[in-house]
Amino acid sequence: MPKPVMNFAAEAASRNRGKVLWCITRPDLYAQALTQAGLAPDRVIYIAAGDDKTVLA
């Protein structure tokens, strides 16, 4: 995911309450960037899937 898109999504998710499901298809997520965007690590559930179809399954 391009960095500006990830930052936008993280900032939008940080404005909501509760847990956030963060799905990725490549191991390119830098978790500290989510924290810097305002999304606390204890609110994030990370899912690593092989491809987009698997994410949506």
N, C-alpha and C. Protein backbone atom coordinates (compact mmCIF):
# COMPACT_ATOMS: atom_id res chain seq x y z
N MET A 1 0.85 -1.16 0.00
CA MET A 1 0.00 0.00 0.00
C MET A 1 0.90 1.23 0.00
N PRO A 2 0.65 2.18 -0.88
CA PRO A 2 1.46 3.40 -0.89
C PRO A 2 1.36 4.13 0.45
N LYS A 3 2.46 4.73 0.86
CA LYS A 3 2.52 5.38 2.17
C LYS A 3 1.43 6.42 2.38
N PRO A 4 1.15 7.33 1.42
CA PRO A 4 0.08 8.31 1.65
C PRO A 4 -1.29 7.66 1.88
N VAL A 5 -1.54 6.56 1.19
CA VAL A 5 -2.82 5.86 1.35
C VAL A 5 -2.90 5.21 2.73
N MET A 6 -1.79 4.61 3.16
CA MET A 6 -1.77 3.98 4.47
C MET A 6 -1.96 5.04 5.56
N ASN A 7 -1.30 6.18 5.43
CA ASN A 7 -1.45 7.24 6.42
C ASN A 7 -2.89 7.73 6.48
N PHE A 8 -3.50 7.93 5.34
CA PHE A 8 -4.90 8.37 5.30
C PHE A 8 -5.81 7.36 5.99
N ALA A 9 -5.63 6.09 5.66
CA ALA A 9 -6.47 5.04 6.26
C ALA A 9 -6.25 4.95 7.76
N ALA A 10 -5.01 5.05 8.20
CA ALA A 10 -4.70 4.97 9.63
C ALA A 10 -5.30 6.15 10.38
N GLU A 11 -5.19 7.34 9.81
CA GLU A 11 -5.75 8.52 10.46
C GLU A 11 -7.27 8.43 10.53
N ALA A 12 -7.89 7.96 9.47
CA ALA A 12 -9.35 7.80 9.47
C ALA A 12 -9.77 6.77 10.51
N ALA A 13 -9.06 5.66 10.59
CA ALA A 13 -9.39 4.61 11.56
C ALA A 13 -9.16 5.08 12.99
N SER A 14 -8.17 5.94 13.20
CA SER A 14 -7.87 6.40 14.56
C SER A 14 -8.98 7.27 15.13
N ARG A 15 -9.81 7.82 14.29
CA ARG A 15 -10.91 8.69 14.75
C ARG A 15 -12.09 7.89 15.27
N ASN A 16 -12.13 6.61 14.99
CA ASN A 16 -13.21 5.75 15.45
C ASN A 16 -12.80 5.03 16.72
N ARG A 17 -13.80 4.56 17.45
CA ARG A 17 -13.53 3.80 18.67
C ARG A 17 -13.46 2.31 18.35
N GLY A 18 -12.88 1.57 19.26
CA GLY A 18 -12.86 0.12 19.11
C GLY A 18 -11.66 -0.38 18.33
N LYS A 19 -11.72 -1.66 18.02
CA LYS A 19 -10.64 -2.34 17.30
C LYS A 19 -10.70 -2.04 15.81
N VAL A 20 -9.55 -2.16 15.17
CA VAL A 20 -9.42 -1.95 13.73
C VAL A 20 -8.81 -3.19 13.12
N LEU A 21 -9.43 -3.73 12.09
CA LEU A 21 -8.89 -4.87 11.36
C LEU A 21 -8.06 -4.34 10.20
N TRP A 22 -6.75 -4.61 10.22
CA TRP A 22 -5.83 -4.10 9.19
C TRP A 22 -5.34 -5.30 8.39
N CYS A 23 -5.79 -5.41 7.13
CA CYS A 23 -5.46 -6.54 6.27
C CYS A 23 -4.41 -6.15 5.24
N ILE A 24 -3.39 -6.98 5.11
CA ILE A 24 -2.34 -6.72 4.13
C ILE A 24 -2.09 -7.98 3.29
N THR A 25 -1.59 -7.77 2.09
CA THR A 25 -1.25 -8.90 1.23
C THR A 25 0.26 -9.02 1.02
N ARG A 26 1.00 -7.99 1.44
CA ARG A 26 2.47 -8.01 1.37
C ARG A 26 3.01 -7.59 2.72
N PRO A 27 4.14 -8.11 3.11
CA PRO A 27 4.71 -7.74 4.41
C PRO A 27 5.40 -6.37 4.35
N ASP A 28 4.64 -5.34 3.98
CA ASP A 28 5.22 -4.01 3.84
C ASP A 28 4.68 -3.01 4.86
N LEU A 29 3.99 -3.52 5.88
CA LEU A 29 3.42 -2.64 6.89
C LEU A 29 4.47 -2.32 7.94
N TYR A 30 4.65 -1.05 8.20
CA TYR A 30 5.53 -0.59 9.26
C TYR A 30 4.63 -0.14 10.40
N ALA A 31 4.46 -1.00 11.39
CA ALA A 31 3.49 -0.77 12.46
C ALA A 31 3.71 0.55 13.19
N GLN A 32 4.95 0.99 13.31
CA GLN A 32 5.21 2.25 13.98
C GLN A 32 4.58 3.42 13.23
N ALA A 33 4.45 3.31 11.91
CA ALA A 33 3.81 4.36 11.12
C ALA A 33 2.34 4.50 11.50
N LEU A 34 1.68 3.38 11.82
CA LEU A 34 0.29 3.46 12.26
C LEU A 34 0.19 4.23 13.57
N THR A 35 1.13 3.98 14.47
CA THR A 35 1.16 4.69 15.74
C THR A 35 1.39 6.18 15.51
N GLN A 36 2.29 6.51 14.62
CA GLN A 36 2.57 7.91 14.32
C GLN A 36 1.36 8.60 13.69
N ALA A 37 0.52 7.83 13.00
CA ALA A 37 -0.69 8.39 12.40
C ALA A 37 -1.83 8.49 13.41
N GLY A 38 -1.58 8.03 14.65
CA GLY A 38 -2.58 8.16 15.70
C GLY A 38 -3.37 6.91 16.01
N LEU A 39 -2.97 5.79 15.45
CA LEU A 39 -3.68 4.53 15.67
C LEU A 39 -2.89 3.68 16.67
N ALA A 40 -3.43 3.55 17.88
CA ALA A 40 -2.74 2.83 18.95
C ALA A 40 -2.59 1.35 18.61
N PRO A 41 -1.41 0.77 18.87
CA PRO A 41 -1.17 -0.63 18.52
C PRO A 41 -2.11 -1.63 19.19
N ASP A 42 -2.61 -1.30 20.39
CA ASP A 42 -3.49 -2.23 21.07
C ASP A 42 -4.90 -2.27 20.48
N ARG A 43 -5.17 -1.39 19.52
CA ARG A 43 -6.47 -1.37 18.86
C ARG A 43 -6.45 -2.10 17.52
N VAL A 44 -5.26 -2.49 17.05
CA VAL A 44 -5.12 -3.04 15.70
C VAL A 44 -5.01 -4.56 15.73
N ILE A 45 -5.82 -5.20 14.89
CA ILE A 45 -5.73 -6.64 14.66
C ILE A 45 -5.16 -6.79 13.25
N TYR A 46 -3.98 -7.38 13.14
CA TYR A 46 -3.30 -7.51 11.85
C TYR A 46 -3.62 -8.86 11.21
N ILE A 47 -3.97 -8.83 9.95
CA ILE A 47 -4.22 -10.03 9.16
C ILE A 47 -3.31 -9.98 7.94
N ALA A 48 -2.50 -11.01 7.76
CA ALA A 48 -1.65 -11.12 6.58
C ALA A 48 -2.22 -12.22 5.69
N ALA A 49 -2.63 -11.84 4.50
CA ALA A 49 -3.22 -12.78 3.56
C ALA A 49 -2.34 -12.88 2.32
N GLY A 50 -2.48 -13.96 1.59
CA GLY A 50 -1.65 -14.17 0.41
C GLY A 50 -2.01 -13.29 -0.78
N ASP A 51 -3.29 -12.95 -0.91
CA ASP A 51 -3.71 -12.12 -2.04
C ASP A 51 -5.02 -11.41 -1.69
N ASP A 52 -5.47 -10.52 -2.59
CA ASP A 52 -6.67 -9.73 -2.33
C ASP A 52 -7.92 -10.62 -2.19
N LYS A 53 -7.98 -11.69 -2.96
CA LYS A 53 -9.14 -12.58 -2.88
C LYS A 53 -9.25 -13.21 -1.49
N THR A 54 -8.11 -13.58 -0.93
CA THR A 54 -8.10 -14.17 0.40
C THR A 54 -8.51 -13.16 1.46
N VAL A 55 -8.10 -11.91 1.31
CA VAL A 55 -8.50 -10.85 2.25
C VAL A 55 -10.02 -10.73 2.29
N LEU A 56 -10.66 -10.82 1.14
CA LEU A 56 -12.10 -10.63 1.06
C LEU A 56 -12.89 -11.88 1.42
N ALA A 57 -12.22 -13.01 1.56
CA ALA A 57 -12.92 -14.26 1.86
C ALA A 57 -13.43 -14.31 3.28
